[in-house]
Each structure stands twice: as structure tokens, then as C-alpha cells.
Amino acid sequence: MSKLLDDIKHTVDVTIPDKEELTHGAHPKIDYTMLIFRNLLVAIAAVMFLLSFFLHDLHNILRAGAYFCGAGAYLLECLAVTDCFQHKVPHTEMFMVYCFGPLYLMMGLSYLLEH
């Protein structure tokens, strides 16, 4: 069990970057906070998707919540990449964020309306 806990701790340490890595932006503290929340939303979405396979009564609600968490993660990614919309980033770099963020919102709504 100790090996498993060490592996989990290592994974979390790798996922959370050092604050020094984010000092290049205009808002280093906000960038770091957004990155932490983005990673947290992604982890919550992954857990909700996994739970939706086992909790059939809550299947639609869990998947809707997971998609909404994913949309929030894409919004935070957009804010981080553009320095809170102060830095213009080419659309070719932002294509995935622009497409999947709204798509995840629509998919979440579709699961809620299906319920």
C-alpha cells in the first residue's frame, strides 16, 4: 500500500508545476491558481466519468457534471494561455479550446435534458 501512496504522491507532484515555471506571465499568481483549478476540474471530470459506469441511476447527472467540469477546464486553459485575454494567441493554437469548450457545454446540457 505504501508503494501505491508513493506513486499517487509522485503523480500529484508531477501534475502541479512549480510556481517558478509560471513567472513569465503578467499574472503569475493567478496563472498558478488557474492551473491548479484546471487540473482539479480535469481530475473531478475523470472521476465522475468513471463513476457513471458504475452508478447507473446517476449516469446522466454524473456525465453532465463531468462535461461541465471539462468546459470549465477549457475556459481556465483559455484564460491561462491568453494571460486573461491580454495576449493575442493565434487561432491555430486555440482551435481545440474554442471548439471543445462550447462542445462540452452542449454535451453536458444534452445529458441534463435527457434525464
C-alpha atoms as a PDB file:
ATOM      1  CA  MET A   1       0.000   0.000   0.000  1.00  0.00           C
ATOM      2  CA  SER A   2       2.927   2.320   0.694  1.00  0.00           C
ATOM      3  CA  LYS A   3       4.117   1.923  -2.899  1.00  0.00           C
ATOM      4  CA  LEU A   4       0.661   2.925  -4.173  1.00  0.00           C
ATOM      5  CA  LEU A   5       0.614   6.046  -1.990  1.00  0.00           C
ATOM      6  CA  ASP A   6       4.110   6.961  -3.150  1.00  0.00           C
ATOM      7  CA  ASP A   7       3.004   6.576  -6.783  1.00  0.00           C
ATOM      8  CA  ILE A   8      -0.048   8.780  -6.182  1.00  0.00           C
ATOM      9  CA  LYS A   9       2.065  11.429  -4.432  1.00  0.00           C
ATOM     10  CA  HIS A  10       4.560  11.399  -7.305  1.00  0.00           C
ATOM     11  CA  THR A  11       1.752  11.773  -9.866  1.00  0.00           C
ATOM     12  CA  VAL A  12       0.308  14.743  -7.983  1.00  0.00           C
ATOM     13  CA  ASP A  13       3.757  16.339  -7.668  1.00  0.00           C
ATOM     14  CA  VAL A  14       4.338  15.990 -11.413  1.00  0.00           C
ATOM     15  CA  THR A  15       0.875  17.374 -12.212  1.00  0.00           C
ATOM     16  CA  ILE A  16       1.277  20.527 -10.122  1.00  0.00           C
ATOM     17  CA  PRO A  17       4.017  22.724 -11.592  1.00  0.00           C
ATOM     18  CA  ASP A  18       6.428  24.835  -9.612  1.00  0.00           C
ATOM     19  CA  LYS A  19       5.459  28.468  -9.172  1.00  0.00           C
ATOM     20  CA  GLU A  20       8.782  29.472 -10.747  1.00  0.00           C
ATOM     21  CA  GLU A  21       7.681  27.893 -14.034  1.00  0.00           C
ATOM     22  CA  LEU A  22       4.824  30.391 -14.316  1.00  0.00           C
ATOM     23  CA  THR A  23       6.614  33.669 -13.577  1.00  0.00           C
ATOM     24  CA  HIS A  24       6.744  34.656 -17.252  1.00  0.00           C
ATOM     25  CA  GLY A  25       3.087  35.749 -17.415  1.00  0.00           C
ATOM     26  CA  ALA A  26       1.565  39.072 -16.475  1.00  0.00           C
ATOM     27  CA  HIS A  27      -0.288  37.440 -13.573  1.00  0.00           C
ATOM     28  CA  PRO A  28       1.953  34.690 -12.145  1.00  0.00           C
ATOM     29  CA  LYS A  29      -0.148  34.062  -9.013  1.00  0.00           C
ATOM     30  CA  ILE A  30      -3.401  33.983 -10.946  1.00  0.00           C
ATOM     31  CA  ASP A  31      -1.834  31.733 -13.615  1.00  0.00           C
ATOM     32  CA  TYR A  32      -0.710  29.275 -10.958  1.00  0.00           C
ATOM     33  CA  THR A  33      -4.136  29.294  -9.299  1.00  0.00           C
ATOM     34  CA  MET A  34      -5.894  28.784 -12.628  1.00  0.00           C
ATOM     35  CA  LEU A  35      -3.595  25.870 -13.437  1.00  0.00           C
ATOM     36  CA  ILE A  36      -4.330  24.214 -10.096  1.00  0.00           C
ATOM     37  CA  PHE A  37      -8.090  24.650 -10.584  1.00  0.00           C
ATOM     38  CA  ARG A  38      -7.871  23.436 -14.188  1.00  0.00           C
ATOM     39  CA  ASN A  39      -6.104  20.254 -13.091  1.00  0.00           C
ATOM     40  CA  LEU A  40      -8.617  19.813 -10.270  1.00  0.00           C
ATOM     41  CA  LEU A  41     -11.547  20.152 -12.693  1.00  0.00           C
ATOM     42  CA  VAL A  42      -9.965  17.601 -15.025  1.00  0.00           C
ATOM     43  CA  ALA A  43      -9.478  15.151 -12.137  1.00  0.00           C
ATOM     44  CA  ILE A  44     -13.074  15.637 -10.982  1.00  0.00           C
ATOM     45  CA  ALA A  45     -14.319  15.082 -14.543  1.00  0.00           C
ATOM     46  CA  ALA A  46     -12.333  11.851 -14.826  1.00  0.00           C
ATOM     47  CA  VAL A  47     -13.713  10.540 -11.518  1.00  0.00           C
ATOM     48  CA  MET A  48     -17.264  11.479 -12.498  1.00  0.00           C
ATOM     49  CA  PHE A  49     -16.944   9.666 -15.833  1.00  0.00           C
ATOM     50  CA  LEU A  50     -15.618   6.556 -14.101  1.00  0.00           C
ATOM     51  CA  LEU A  51     -18.402   6.667 -11.510  1.00  0.00           C
ATOM     52  CA  SER A  52     -21.002   6.990 -14.268  1.00  0.00           C
ATOM     53  CA  PHE A  53     -20.111   3.468 -15.441  1.00  0.00           C
ATOM     54  CA  PHE A  54     -20.965   2.005 -12.037  1.00  0.00           C
ATOM     55  CA  LEU A  55     -23.801   4.209 -10.776  1.00  0.00           C
ATOM     56  CA  HIS A  56     -26.427   3.661 -13.442  1.00  0.00           C
ATOM     57  CA  ASP A  57     -29.127   5.683 -11.667  1.00  0.00           C
ATOM     58  CA  LEU A  58     -26.906   8.789 -11.710  1.00  0.00           C
ATOM     59  CA  HIS A  59     -25.403   8.118 -15.130  1.00  0.00           C
ATOM     60  CA  ASN A  60     -26.749  11.244 -16.875  1.00  0.00           C
ATOM     61  CA  ILE A  61     -26.110  13.618 -13.981  1.00  0.00           C
ATOM     62  CA  LEU A  62     -22.540  12.401 -13.486  1.00  0.00           C
ATOM     63  CA  ARG A  63     -21.736  12.701 -17.173  1.00  0.00           C
ATOM     64  CA  ALA A  64     -23.304  16.171 -17.363  1.00  0.00           C
ATOM     65  CA  GLY A  65     -21.233  17.264 -14.367  1.00  0.00           C
ATOM     66  CA  ALA A  66     -18.106  15.807 -15.921  1.00  0.00           C
ATOM     67  CA  TYR A  67     -18.698  17.679 -19.166  1.00  0.00           C
ATOM     68  CA  PHE A  68     -19.319  20.928 -17.278  1.00  0.00           C
ATOM     69  CA  CYS A  69     -16.046  20.400 -15.389  1.00  0.00           C
ATOM     70  CA  GLY A  70     -14.322  19.816 -18.721  1.00  0.00           C
ATOM     71  CA  ALA A  71     -15.794  23.032 -20.128  1.00  0.00           C
ATOM     72  CA  GLY A  72     -14.572  24.902 -17.047  1.00  0.00           C
ATOM     73  CA  ALA A  73     -11.114  23.414 -17.515  1.00  0.00           C
ATOM     74  CA  TYR A  74     -11.054  24.613 -21.134  1.00  0.00           C
ATOM     75  CA  LEU A  75     -12.141  28.091 -20.016  1.00  0.00           C
ATOM     76  CA  LEU A  76      -9.302  28.215 -17.486  1.00  0.00           C
ATOM     77  CA  GLU A  77      -6.895  26.971 -20.153  1.00  0.00           C
ATOM     78  CA  CYS A  78      -8.024  29.765 -22.458  1.00  0.00           C
ATOM     79  CA  LEU A  79      -7.523  32.336 -19.695  1.00  0.00           C
ATOM     80  CA  ALA A  80      -4.080  30.964 -18.859  1.00  0.00           C
ATOM     81  CA  VAL A  81      -2.851  30.827 -22.453  1.00  0.00           C
ATOM     82  CA  THR A  82      -4.048  34.335 -23.270  1.00  0.00           C
ATOM     83  CA  ASP A  83      -2.954  35.888 -19.941  1.00  0.00           C
ATOM     84  CA  CYS A  84      -6.575  36.705 -19.104  1.00  0.00           C
ATOM     85  CA  PHE A  85      -7.243  37.863 -22.680  1.00  0.00           C
ATOM     86  CA  GLN A  86      -4.341  40.323 -22.638  1.00  0.00           C
ATOM     87  CA  HIS A  87      -2.158  38.363 -25.061  1.00  0.00           C
ATOM     88  CA  LYS A  88      -3.362  37.506 -28.556  1.00  0.00           C
ATOM     89  CA  VAL A  89      -2.772  33.864 -29.419  1.00  0.00           C
ATOM     90  CA  PRO A  90      -3.154  32.562 -32.996  1.00  0.00           C
ATOM     91  CA  HIS A  91      -6.413  30.756 -33.696  1.00  0.00           C
ATOM     92  CA  THR A  92      -4.492  27.733 -34.887  1.00  0.00           C
ATOM     93  CA  GLU A  93      -3.184  27.261 -31.325  1.00  0.00           C
ATOM     94  CA  MET A  94      -6.546  27.951 -29.722  1.00  0.00           C
ATOM     95  CA  PHE A  95      -8.663  25.847 -32.101  1.00  0.00           C
ATOM     96  CA  MET A  96      -9.117  22.953 -29.677  1.00  0.00           C
ATOM     97  CA  VAL A  97     -10.047  25.250 -26.782  1.00  0.00           C
ATOM     98  CA  TYR A  98     -12.540  27.182 -28.924  1.00  0.00           C
ATOM     99  CA  CYS A  99     -14.187  24.006 -30.212  1.00  0.00           C
ATOM    100  CA  PHE A 100     -14.192  21.680 -27.218  1.00  0.00           C
ATOM    101  CA  GLY A 101     -15.160  24.232 -24.553  1.00  0.00           C
ATOM    102  CA  PRO A 102     -18.584  25.011 -26.087  1.00  0.00           C
ATOM    103  CA  LEU A 103     -18.958  21.410 -27.249  1.00  0.00           C
ATOM    104  CA  TYR A 104     -18.555  20.163 -23.673  1.00  0.00           C
ATOM    105  CA  LEU A 105     -21.221  22.657 -22.551  1.00  0.00           C
ATOM    106  CA  MET A 106     -23.628  21.367 -25.207  1.00  0.00           C
ATOM    107  CA  MET A 107     -22.903  17.743 -24.314  1.00  0.00           C
ATOM    108  CA  GLY A 108     -23.455  18.467 -20.623  1.00  0.00           C
ATOM    109  CA  LEU A 109     -26.762  20.138 -21.423  1.00  0.00           C
ATOM    110  CA  SER A 110     -27.801  17.205 -23.594  1.00  0.00           C
ATOM    111  CA  TYR A 111     -27.211  14.774 -20.694  1.00  0.00           C
ATOM    112  CA  LEU A 112     -29.222  17.010 -18.349  1.00  0.00           C
ATOM    113  CA  LEU A 113     -32.098  17.292 -20.810  1.00  0.00           C
ATOM    114  CA  GLU A 114     -32.036  13.513 -21.319  1.00  0.00           C
ATOM    115  CA  HIS A 115     -32.561  12.993 -17.593  1.00  0.00           C
END
